[in-house]
Amino acid sequence: MILIVNKRLLSSRFKGITLWPFVILKNQNLKKDKFFLNHERIHLRQQLEMLVIFFYIWYLAEYLWRYLKSGNSLKAYKNISLEREAYRRENDLTYLNNRPFWAFLKFL
């Protein structure tokens, strides 16, 4: 995981974003947030197992689908299966040790 701190690369709504193999952080303090970093590590694993490009295709398609259903961008984002897995498991610092392949499918 390559951490980059640059607040100008992110919109004000996001603390960070994972773009294989980089994690772009809004501020330096996030480097110390073990749960936030675990959330981003989960996204790195998802991207790796989906050969990176398919992660972004899936993410965008699922976001658009959920946005069309709800009409709410935040609700659509929070309900993307990839995000649901990362948010639900970010506090479990050992999760990636035993995470099954394509585990995000359980969060559809």
N, C-alpha and C. Protein backbone atom coordinates (compact mmCIF):
# COMPACT_ATOMS: atom_id res chain seq x y z
N MET A 1 0.85 -1.17 0.00
CA MET A 1 0.00 0.00 0.00
C MET A 1 0.90 1.23 0.00
N ILE A 2 0.68 2.09 -0.97
CA ILE A 2 1.46 3.32 -1.09
C ILE A 2 0.55 4.48 -0.69
N LEU A 3 0.89 5.14 0.40
CA LEU A 3 0.07 6.23 0.92
C LEU A 3 0.55 7.56 0.36
N ILE A 4 -0.40 8.36 -0.10
CA ILE A 4 -0.13 9.70 -0.61
C ILE A 4 -1.07 10.65 0.11
N VAL A 5 -0.53 11.71 0.68
CA VAL A 5 -1.35 12.72 1.32
C VAL A 5 -1.44 13.92 0.39
N ASN A 6 -2.68 14.20 -0.06
CA ASN A 6 -2.89 15.34 -0.95
C ASN A 6 -4.37 15.70 -0.93
N LYS A 7 -4.72 16.73 -0.19
CA LYS A 7 -6.12 17.10 -0.05
C LYS A 7 -6.72 17.65 -1.35
N ARG A 8 -5.89 18.13 -2.26
CA ARG A 8 -6.41 18.70 -3.50
C ARG A 8 -6.90 17.64 -4.48
N LEU A 9 -6.48 16.41 -4.30
CA LEU A 9 -6.90 15.34 -5.20
C LEU A 9 -8.27 14.76 -4.85
N LEU A 10 -8.81 15.15 -3.69
CA LEU A 10 -10.07 14.59 -3.23
C LEU A 10 -11.14 15.67 -3.09
N SER A 11 -12.37 15.29 -3.33
CA SER A 11 -13.46 16.22 -3.07
C SER A 11 -13.62 16.37 -1.56
N SER A 12 -14.32 17.36 -1.14
CA SER A 12 -14.48 17.62 0.29
C SER A 12 -15.27 16.52 0.99
N ARG A 13 -15.98 15.70 0.25
CA ARG A 13 -16.81 14.65 0.84
C ARG A 13 -16.01 13.40 1.23
N PHE A 14 -14.78 13.26 0.77
CA PHE A 14 -14.03 12.04 1.00
C PHE A 14 -12.78 12.27 1.82
N LYS A 15 -12.50 11.32 2.73
CA LYS A 15 -11.26 11.35 3.51
C LYS A 15 -10.13 10.67 2.75
N GLY A 16 -10.49 9.75 1.88
CA GLY A 16 -9.48 9.02 1.15
C GLY A 16 -10.08 8.24 0.00
N ILE A 17 -9.21 7.77 -0.87
CA ILE A 17 -9.65 6.95 -2.00
C ILE A 17 -8.52 5.98 -2.34
N THR A 18 -8.90 4.79 -2.74
CA THR A 18 -7.93 3.77 -3.12
C THR A 18 -7.94 3.61 -4.63
N LEU A 19 -6.82 3.87 -5.23
CA LEU A 19 -6.62 3.69 -6.67
C LEU A 19 -5.37 2.84 -6.83
N TRP A 20 -5.57 1.57 -7.04
CA TRP A 20 -4.49 0.58 -7.04
C TRP A 20 -3.21 1.13 -7.65
N PRO A 21 -2.09 1.03 -7.02
CA PRO A 21 -1.77 0.54 -5.67
C PRO A 21 -1.69 1.67 -4.63
N PHE A 22 -2.28 2.81 -4.96
CA PHE A 22 -2.17 3.97 -4.09
C PHE A 22 -3.40 4.16 -3.22
N VAL A 23 -3.18 4.73 -2.04
CA VAL A 23 -4.27 5.20 -1.19
C VAL A 23 -3.99 6.69 -0.99
N ILE A 24 -4.90 7.51 -1.50
CA ILE A 24 -4.75 8.95 -1.40
C ILE A 24 -5.54 9.42 -0.18
N LEU A 25 -4.86 10.12 0.71
CA LEU A 25 -5.44 10.56 1.97
C LEU A 25 -5.61 12.07 1.97
N LYS A 26 -6.66 12.53 2.64
CA LYS A 26 -6.93 13.96 2.73
C LYS A 26 -5.94 14.67 3.65
N ASN A 27 -5.52 13.98 4.73
CA ASN A 27 -4.58 14.62 5.66
C ASN A 27 -3.65 13.59 6.30
N GLN A 28 -2.58 14.08 6.85
CA GLN A 28 -1.52 13.26 7.43
C GLN A 28 -2.01 12.38 8.59
N ASN A 29 -2.97 12.88 9.36
CA ASN A 29 -3.46 12.14 10.53
C ASN A 29 -4.08 10.80 10.16
N LEU A 30 -4.59 10.67 8.96
CA LEU A 30 -5.22 9.42 8.54
C LEU A 30 -4.22 8.27 8.45
N LYS A 31 -2.93 8.59 8.34
CA LYS A 31 -1.91 7.53 8.33
C LYS A 31 -1.87 6.78 9.66
N LYS A 32 -2.41 7.37 10.70
CA LYS A 32 -2.41 6.76 12.04
C LYS A 32 -3.72 6.08 12.37
N ASP A 33 -4.72 6.23 11.51
CA ASP A 33 -6.05 5.67 11.77
C ASP A 33 -6.10 4.23 11.25
N LYS A 34 -5.88 3.29 12.16
CA LYS A 34 -5.76 1.88 11.74
C LYS A 34 -7.05 1.32 11.14
N PHE A 35 -8.20 1.81 11.58
CA PHE A 35 -9.46 1.31 11.03
C PHE A 35 -9.72 1.88 9.64
N PHE A 36 -9.40 3.15 9.45
CA PHE A 36 -9.52 3.74 8.12
C PHE A 36 -8.59 3.04 7.14
N LEU A 37 -7.35 2.81 7.55
CA LEU A 37 -6.40 2.12 6.68
C LEU A 37 -6.83 0.68 6.39
N ASN A 38 -7.44 0.03 7.36
CA ASN A 38 -7.95 -1.32 7.13
C ASN A 38 -9.07 -1.28 6.09
N HIS A 39 -9.94 -0.29 6.16
CA HIS A 39 -11.00 -0.10 5.16
C HIS A 39 -10.37 0.00 3.77
N GLU A 40 -9.33 0.79 3.65
CA GLU A 40 -8.68 0.97 2.35
C GLU A 40 -7.93 -0.30 1.92
N ARG A 41 -7.38 -1.04 2.87
CA ARG A 41 -6.72 -2.33 2.53
C ARG A 41 -7.74 -3.32 1.97
N ILE A 42 -8.94 -3.30 2.51
CA ILE A 42 -10.00 -4.17 2.00
C ILE A 42 -10.28 -3.81 0.54
N HIS A 43 -10.33 -2.52 0.24
CA HIS A 43 -10.52 -2.12 -1.16
C HIS A 43 -9.35 -2.55 -2.04
N LEU A 44 -8.15 -2.48 -1.53
CA LEU A 44 -7.00 -2.97 -2.31
C LEU A 44 -7.14 -4.45 -2.64
N ARG A 45 -7.58 -5.22 -1.66
CA ARG A 45 -7.78 -6.66 -1.90
C ARG A 45 -8.88 -6.88 -2.92
N GLN A 46 -9.97 -6.15 -2.80
CA GLN A 46 -11.06 -6.25 -3.77
C GLN A 46 -10.56 -5.93 -5.18
N GLN A 47 -9.76 -4.86 -5.28
CA GLN A 47 -9.25 -4.46 -6.59
C GLN A 47 -8.33 -5.52 -7.17
N LEU A 48 -7.49 -6.09 -6.32
CA LEU A 48 -6.57 -7.13 -6.77
C LEU A 48 -7.33 -8.34 -7.29
N GLU A 49 -8.32 -8.81 -6.55
CA GLU A 49 -9.03 -10.02 -6.97
C GLU A 49 -9.93 -9.77 -8.18
N MET A 50 -10.24 -8.51 -8.46
CA MET A 50 -11.06 -8.19 -9.64
C MET A 50 -10.20 -7.63 -10.78
N LEU A 51 -8.90 -7.85 -10.67
CA LEU A 51 -7.95 -7.43 -11.70
C LEU A 51 -8.04 -5.93 -11.97
N VAL A 52 -8.28 -5.19 -10.95
CA VAL A 52 -8.33 -3.73 -10.89
C VAL A 52 -9.42 -3.14 -11.77
N ILE A 53 -9.36 -3.29 -13.06
CA ILE A 53 -10.31 -2.64 -13.97
C ILE A 53 -11.74 -3.10 -13.71
N PHE A 54 -11.93 -4.38 -13.40
CA PHE A 54 -13.29 -4.86 -13.17
C PHE A 54 -13.86 -4.34 -11.85
N PHE A 55 -12.98 -4.01 -10.91
CA PHE A 55 -13.41 -3.37 -9.67
C PHE A 55 -14.09 -2.05 -10.00
N TYR A 56 -13.43 -1.23 -10.82
CA TYR A 56 -13.97 0.09 -11.14
C TYR A 56 -15.25 0.00 -11.98
N ILE A 57 -15.30 -0.97 -12.88
CA ILE A 57 -16.52 -1.18 -13.68
C ILE A 57 -17.67 -1.58 -12.76
N TRP A 58 -17.41 -2.56 -11.89
CA TRP A 58 -18.44 -3.03 -10.96
C TRP A 58 -18.89 -1.88 -10.05
N TYR A 59 -17.92 -1.16 -9.49
CA TYR A 59 -18.20 -0.07 -8.55
C TYR A 59 -19.10 0.98 -9.20
N LEU A 60 -18.74 1.40 -10.39
CA LEU A 60 -19.52 2.42 -11.09
C LEU A 60 -20.91 1.91 -11.46
N ALA A 61 -20.98 0.69 -11.98
CA ALA A 61 -22.27 0.12 -12.37
C ALA A 61 -23.19 -0.02 -11.16
N GLU A 62 -22.64 -0.52 -10.05
CA GLU A 62 -23.48 -0.70 -8.87
C GLU A 62 -23.90 0.65 -8.29
N TYR A 63 -23.00 1.63 -8.31
CA TYR A 63 -23.35 2.97 -7.84
C TYR A 63 -24.49 3.55 -8.68
N LEU A 64 -24.36 3.46 -9.99
CA LEU A 64 -25.41 4.01 -10.87
C LEU A 64 -26.75 3.32 -10.65
N TRP A 65 -26.70 2.00 -10.52
CA TRP A 65 -27.93 1.24 -10.27
C TRP A 65 -28.59 1.69 -8.97
N ARG A 66 -27.80 1.79 -7.92
CA ARG A 66 -28.35 2.18 -6.61
C ARG A 66 -28.79 3.64 -6.59
N TYR A 67 -28.10 4.48 -7.34
CA TYR A 67 -28.52 5.88 -7.43
C TYR A 67 -29.85 6.00 -8.17
N LEU A 68 -29.99 5.26 -9.26
CA LEU A 68 -31.26 5.29 -9.99
C LEU A 68 -32.41 4.80 -9.12
N LYS A 69 -32.16 3.82 -8.27
CA LYS A 69 -33.21 3.29 -7.40
C LYS A 69 -33.56 4.24 -6.26
N SER A 70 -32.54 4.92 -5.70
CA SER A 70 -32.77 5.74 -4.51
C SER A 70 -32.86 7.24 -4.80
N GLY A 71 -32.19 7.70 -5.85
CA GLY A 71 -32.16 9.12 -6.15
C GLY A 71 -31.29 9.91 -5.19
N ASN A 72 -30.48 9.19 -4.39
CA ASN A 72 -29.66 9.83 -3.36
C ASN A 72 -28.22 9.33 -3.52
N SER A 73 -27.29 10.25 -3.79
CA SER A 73 -25.91 9.83 -4.06
C SER A 73 -25.23 9.22 -2.84
N LEU A 74 -25.45 9.78 -1.64
CA LEU A 74 -24.82 9.22 -0.45
C LEU A 74 -25.37 7.83 -0.13
N LYS A 75 -26.67 7.67 -0.24
CA LYS A 75 -27.29 6.37 0.00
C LYS A 75 -26.79 5.34 -1.03
N ALA A 76 -26.66 5.76 -2.28
CA ALA A 76 -26.15 4.87 -3.32
C ALA A 76 -24.73 4.42 -2.99
N TYR A 77 -23.88 5.37 -2.60
CA TYR A 77 -22.49 5.07 -2.24
C TYR A 77 -22.43 4.09 -1.06
N LYS A 78 -23.18 4.38 -0.01
CA LYS A 78 -23.14 3.54 1.20
C LYS A 78 -23.65 2.12 0.94
N ASN A 79 -24.45 1.93 -0.11
CA ASN A 79 -25.02 0.62 -0.38
C ASN A 79 -24.31 -0.18 -1.46
N ILE A 80 -23.22 0.35 -1.99
CA ILE A 80 -22.40 -0.43 -2.92
C ILE A 80 -21.83 -1.62 -2.13
N SER A 81 -21.95 -2.81 -2.66
CA SER A 81 -21.51 -4.01 -1.92
C SER A 81 -20.04 -3.93 -1.53
N LEU A 82 -19.21 -3.36 -2.36
CA LEU A 82 -17.78 -3.22 -2.07
C LEU A 82 -17.56 -2.31 -0.86
N GLU A 83 -18.36 -1.25 -0.77
CA GLU A 83 -18.27 -0.35 0.39
C GLU A 83 -18.89 -0.99 1.64
N ARG A 84 -19.97 -1.68 1.46
CA ARG A 84 -20.62 -2.32 2.62
C ARG A 84 -19.66 -3.31 3.28
N GLU A 85 -18.96 -4.10 2.48
CA GLU A 85 -17.98 -5.02 3.05
C GLU A 85 -16.90 -4.24 3.80
N ALA A 86 -16.35 -3.22 3.16
CA ALA A 86 -15.25 -2.46 3.77
C ALA A 86 -15.70 -1.77 5.06
N TYR A 87 -16.88 -1.17 5.05
CA TYR A 87 -17.36 -0.49 6.26
C TYR A 87 -17.67 -1.49 7.38
N ARG A 88 -18.28 -2.61 7.03
CA ARG A 88 -18.65 -3.59 8.07
C ARG A 88 -17.45 -4.30 8.66
N ARG A 89 -16.38 -4.41 7.91
CA ARG A 89 -15.21 -5.17 8.37
C ARG A 89 -14.01 -4.30 8.74
N GLU A 90 -14.11 -2.98 8.61
CA GLU A 90 -12.94 -2.13 8.86
C GLU A 90 -12.43 -2.20 10.30
N ASN A 91 -13.29 -2.50 11.25
CA ASN A 91 -12.86 -2.59 12.66
C ASN A 91 -12.23 -3.93 13.01
N ASP A 92 -12.31 -4.90 12.12
CA ASP A 92 -11.71 -6.22 12.34
C ASP A 92 -10.34 -6.23 11.65
N LEU A 93 -9.32 -5.97 12.42
CA LEU A 93 -7.98 -5.82 11.85
C LEU A 93 -7.38 -7.14 11.37
N THR A 94 -8.02 -8.26 11.67
CA THR A 94 -7.55 -9.56 11.18
C THR A 94 -8.42 -10.08 10.03
N TYR A 95 -9.39 -9.31 9.60
CA TYR A 95 -10.34 -9.75 8.57
C TYR A 95 -9.64 -10.23 7.30
N LEU A 96 -8.66 -9.52 6.84
CA LEU A 96 -8.02 -9.89 5.57
C LEU A 96 -7.23 -11.19 5.67
N ASN A 97 -6.91 -11.62 6.88
CA ASN A 97 -6.19 -12.90 7.04
C ASN A 97 -7.06 -14.09 6.63
N ASN A 98 -8.37 -13.97 6.79
CA ASN A 98 -9.28 -15.08 6.52
C ASN A 98 -10.38 -14.74 5.53
N ARG A 99 -10.27 -13.62 4.88
CA ARG A 99 -11.33 -13.16 3.97
C ARG A 99 -11.44 -14.10 2.78
N PRO A 100 -12.66 -14.61 2.53
CA PRO A 100 -12.85 -15.45 1.36
C PRO A 100 -12.78 -14.65 0.06
N PHE A 101 -12.46 -15.33 -1.00
CA PHE A 101 -12.39 -14.71 -2.32
C PHE A 101 -13.76 -14.15 -2.70
N TRP A 102 -13.80 -12.96 -3.23
CA TRP A 102 -15.01 -12.26 -3.64
C TRP A 102 -16.04 -12.16 -2.52
N ALA A 103 -15.60 -11.90 -1.32
CA ALA A 103 -16.47 -11.82 -0.15
C ALA A 103 -17.50 -10.70 -0.26
N PHE A 104 -17.23 -9.70 -1.08
CA PHE A 104 -18.17 -8.59 -1.21
C PHE A 104 -19.52 -9.04 -1.76
N LEU A 105 -19.56 -10.18 -2.45
CA LEU A 105 -20.82 -10.67 -3.01
C LEU A 105 -21.85 -10.96 -1.93
N LYS A 106 -21.38 -11.25 -0.71
CA LYS A 106 -22.31 -11.49 0.41
C LYS A 106 -23.03 -10.22 0.83
N PHE A 107 -22.55 -9.07 0.35
CA PHE A 107 -23.12 -7.78 0.74
C PHE A 107 -24.01 -7.17 -0.35
N LEU A 108 -24.33 -7.94 -1.36
CA LEU A 108 -25.23 -7.45 -2.42
C LEU A 108 -26.63 -7.23 -1.89
